[in-house]
Every structure is written in structure tokens, then in C-alpha cells.
Amino acid sequence: AIRSAEHDRAKFSPYFIMFGQEMSTSGNDTSANLPQFNPDRDVRKSEKIIRIVKENLAKASTENRHYYDKRTAYWVYRLGEKVYRTNFQLSSSIDNFSAKLGQRFVPAIVIEKLGSHTYKLRDVETNREGIYHAKNIKPDAGARRNIPRHHPRVRINSI
């Protein structure tokens, strides 16, 4: 049943894509019932199947991208803006520190934008600098209260 089930997005079974016919699932099919081998017809049929499968998978990919992009958004931060970054400090028995009980986020200032989603931040408390991805940064609630900023592909009400 593994190769005979229709693929959700390709709309054909893997067996049909490979061999150009549905898989025989019972013992009643004999070689007399199979169509005669015709190389030209079989090649054309294979090319047509592959073309249809590629179109179906491209359409599915576009649909998936649409729904993924609709739910995925990163804030765009300004230079000098106060943000909170994820605290990556590990637990240490020597220092009597448990990461589970420590701060989850540490205040920081945006120093530089390095890429589409990476920022160089300076910690407010320690003045250490580091590079962080936008997924590890939260906006300061007080600074963002009046101006919702979002990814250009995302509607404001979906954030």
C-alpha cells in the first residue's frame, strides 16, 4: 500500500509516476490484460505525467509559501531602539545559578542592522555586544505601544 496510495499534492501514486500504470493489488491481473509495450507512446505518457506532477507540486509549494508567509513576521527594529533579547546563559552549579529560574529576556539596544533579520545588540546592563536573529529579539512594549510595525507582506491585524 506504500506505493499505491495517491500523493496528496502530486495527485498520482508513486507507482503510477514511475511505471505509467496503476499497481496490481490483486492476483487476478495477468500479463494478457496489460497493454502492449510501445516505446514512443510510453515516453510521451511519462513526460506528460512528469509535467503534470511538477505543475501540481509547484502549485502546492506556492500555496504553502502563502500560508507560511502569512503567519511568519519579524519586527523591523530601528537603530538605538530598546529591545529585549533572549538570555542564553546556561545553568551553573559552581555559580549557584539555574537558567530555568533566571531572566528569559535581557534589555539591549540595537546598534546595527547586519542582514534582513540579524541585528548587532549591546546589553544595557553589561555593555556586551553580540549578533542576534530577529526571532531572539522582542520589542520593548512601552516603545511600541503607538506604532505597530510589521513585515511588509503581513497585514497588521494578523500579528
Protein backbone atom coordinates (compact mmCIF):
# COMPACT_ATOMS: atom_id res chain seq x y z
CA ALA A 1 0.00 0.00 0.00
CA ILE A 2 3.02 2.27 0.29
CA ARG A 3 3.50 2.91 -3.44
CA SER A 4 -0.17 2.57 -4.40
CA ALA A 5 -1.57 5.45 -2.31
CA GLU A 6 -2.24 8.69 -4.17
CA HIS A 7 0.11 11.51 -3.16
CA ASP A 8 -1.84 14.40 -1.66
CA ARG A 9 -0.13 17.09 -3.72
CA ALA A 10 1.20 15.23 -6.79
CA LYS A 11 -2.28 13.68 -7.39
CA PHE A 12 -0.73 10.39 -8.56
CA SER A 13 0.59 7.33 -6.76
CA PRO A 14 4.39 6.90 -6.75
CA TYR A 15 3.94 3.62 -8.62
CA PHE A 16 1.95 5.34 -11.38
CA ILE A 17 4.57 8.07 -11.70
CA MET A 18 7.37 5.53 -12.04
CA PHE A 19 5.72 2.90 -14.24
CA GLY A 20 2.87 4.73 -16.01
CA GLN A 21 0.18 2.36 -14.76
CA GLU A 22 -1.60 1.62 -11.52
CA MET A 23 -0.11 -1.09 -9.34
CA SER A 24 -1.69 -4.53 -9.46
CA THR A 25 -3.03 -5.10 -5.96
CA SER A 26 -4.72 -8.44 -6.58
CA GLY A 27 -3.58 -11.69 -8.18
CA ASN A 28 -6.25 -11.55 -10.90
CA ASP A 29 -4.25 -9.29 -13.22
CA THR A 30 -2.27 -11.23 -15.78
CA SER A 31 0.17 -10.15 -18.41
CA ALA A 32 -2.57 -10.72 -21.03
CA ASN A 33 -4.55 -7.79 -19.59
CA LEU A 34 -1.61 -5.39 -19.76
CA PRO A 35 -1.28 -3.06 -22.78
CA GLN A 36 1.35 -3.82 -25.40
CA PHE A 37 4.74 -2.15 -24.94
CA ASN A 38 5.07 0.90 -27.23
CA PRO A 39 8.25 2.95 -26.53
CA ASP A 40 7.08 6.18 -28.22
CA ARG A 41 3.69 6.17 -26.51
CA ASP A 42 5.21 5.25 -23.14
CA VAL A 43 7.83 8.03 -23.32
CA ARG A 44 5.19 10.63 -24.23
CA LYS A 45 2.95 9.37 -21.42
CA SER A 46 5.85 9.52 -18.92
CA GLU A 47 6.77 13.05 -19.97
CA LYS A 48 3.14 14.15 -19.64
CA ILE A 49 2.84 12.59 -16.16
CA ILE A 50 6.08 14.21 -15.01
CA ARG A 51 4.97 17.60 -16.35
CA ILE A 52 1.61 17.34 -14.53
CA VAL A 53 3.31 16.25 -11.29
CA LYS A 54 5.76 19.18 -11.48
CA GLU A 55 2.87 21.61 -12.03
CA ASN A 56 0.92 20.15 -9.10
CA LEU A 57 3.95 20.32 -6.78
CA ALA A 58 4.75 23.90 -7.85
CA LYS A 59 1.16 24.91 -7.14
CA ALA A 60 1.29 23.20 -3.73
CA SER A 61 4.59 24.93 -2.94
CA THR A 62 3.09 28.33 -3.79
CA GLU A 63 0.08 27.63 -1.56
CA ASN A 64 2.30 26.50 1.32
CA ARG A 65 4.52 29.58 0.94
CA HIS A 66 1.44 31.83 1.03
CA TYR A 67 0.17 30.36 4.32
CA TYR A 68 3.64 30.22 5.88
CA ASP A 69 4.41 33.85 4.98
CA LYS A 70 1.03 34.95 6.26
CA ARG A 71 1.83 33.59 9.74
CA THR A 72 5.53 34.47 9.85
CA ALA A 73 6.60 38.01 10.57
CA TYR A 74 9.57 39.66 12.21
CA TRP A 75 9.60 43.18 13.58
CA VAL A 76 11.88 45.70 11.90
CA TYR A 77 13.98 47.46 14.53
CA ARG A 78 15.47 50.97 14.35
CA LEU A 79 18.99 51.89 15.38
CA GLY A 80 19.12 52.96 19.03
CA GLU A 81 15.82 51.26 19.84
CA LYS A 82 15.46 49.48 23.19
CA VAL A 83 14.62 45.78 22.77
CA TYR A 84 14.77 42.58 24.78
CA ARG A 85 16.96 39.71 23.59
CA THR A 86 16.81 36.07 24.65
CA ASN A 87 19.13 35.29 27.56
CA PHE A 88 21.30 32.32 26.58
CA GLN A 89 23.04 31.97 29.97
CA LEU A 90 23.45 28.31 30.97
CA SER A 91 22.87 26.79 34.39
CA SER A 92 25.96 26.55 36.60
CA SER A 93 26.23 24.65 39.87
CA ILE A 94 29.51 26.44 40.64
CA ASP A 95 27.82 29.86 40.48
CA ASN A 96 24.59 28.57 42.07
CA PHE A 97 22.63 29.72 39.02
CA SER A 98 19.67 27.95 37.43
CA ALA A 99 18.83 29.12 33.91
CA LYS A 100 15.29 27.88 34.41
CA LEU A 101 14.79 30.41 37.20
CA GLY A 102 16.79 33.25 35.62
CA GLN A 103 15.72 36.06 33.32
CA ARG A 104 14.36 34.87 29.97
CA PHE A 105 14.99 38.20 28.25
CA VAL A 106 17.69 40.83 28.80
CA PRO A 107 17.32 44.53 27.85
CA ALA A 108 19.50 45.64 24.94
CA ILE A 109 19.95 48.47 22.43
CA VAL A 110 20.05 48.00 18.64
CA ILE A 111 23.46 49.15 17.37
CA GLU A 112 23.46 47.98 13.77
CA LYS A 113 21.34 46.06 11.27
CA LEU A 114 23.53 43.41 9.63
CA GLY A 115 21.14 41.49 7.38
CA SER A 116 17.47 41.12 6.67
CA HIS A 117 16.80 39.59 10.10
CA THR A 118 20.06 39.94 12.05
CA TYR A 119 20.99 42.76 14.40
CA LYS A 120 24.01 43.74 16.45
CA LEU A 121 22.85 44.49 20.01
CA ARG A 122 24.50 45.96 23.10
CA ASP A 123 23.31 44.78 26.52
CA VAL A 124 22.09 47.61 28.73
CA GLU A 125 23.48 46.07 31.95
CA THR A 126 26.84 44.65 30.80
CA ASN A 127 27.59 46.70 27.63
CA ARG A 128 28.48 43.44 25.83
CA GLU A 129 27.78 43.34 22.11
CA GLY A 130 26.51 40.40 20.11
CA ILE A 131 24.75 39.44 16.90
CA TYR A 132 21.20 38.09 17.22
CA HIS A 133 18.50 36.89 14.84
CA ALA A 134 15.13 38.66 14.96
CA LYS A 135 13.47 35.50 16.33
CA ASN A 136 15.50 36.01 19.53
CA ILE A 137 14.52 39.68 19.93
CA LYS A 138 11.33 41.16 21.40
CA PRO A 139 10.31 44.80 21.03
CA ASP A 140 10.08 46.94 24.17
CA ALA A 141 6.37 47.10 24.99
CA GLY A 142 6.45 50.78 26.01
CA ALA A 143 8.25 51.98 22.90
CA ARG A 144 5.96 50.10 20.50
CA ARG A 145 2.59 50.88 22.03
CA ASN A 146 1.55 53.55 19.49
CA ILE A 147 3.32 52.41 16.31
CA PRO A 148 2.71 48.82 15.20
CA ARG A 149 5.44 47.87 12.73
CA HIS A 150 5.39 44.69 10.79
CA HIS A 151 6.78 42.76 7.90
CA PRO A 152 5.54 44.34 4.63
CA ARG A 153 3.83 41.13 3.46
CA VAL A 154 1.76 40.74 6.62
CA ARG A 155 -1.46 42.53 7.50
CA ILE A 156 -1.35 44.36 10.83
CA ASN A 157 -4.37 42.52 12.25
CA SER A 158 -2.73 39.11 11.71
CA ILE A 159 0.18 39.81 14.08
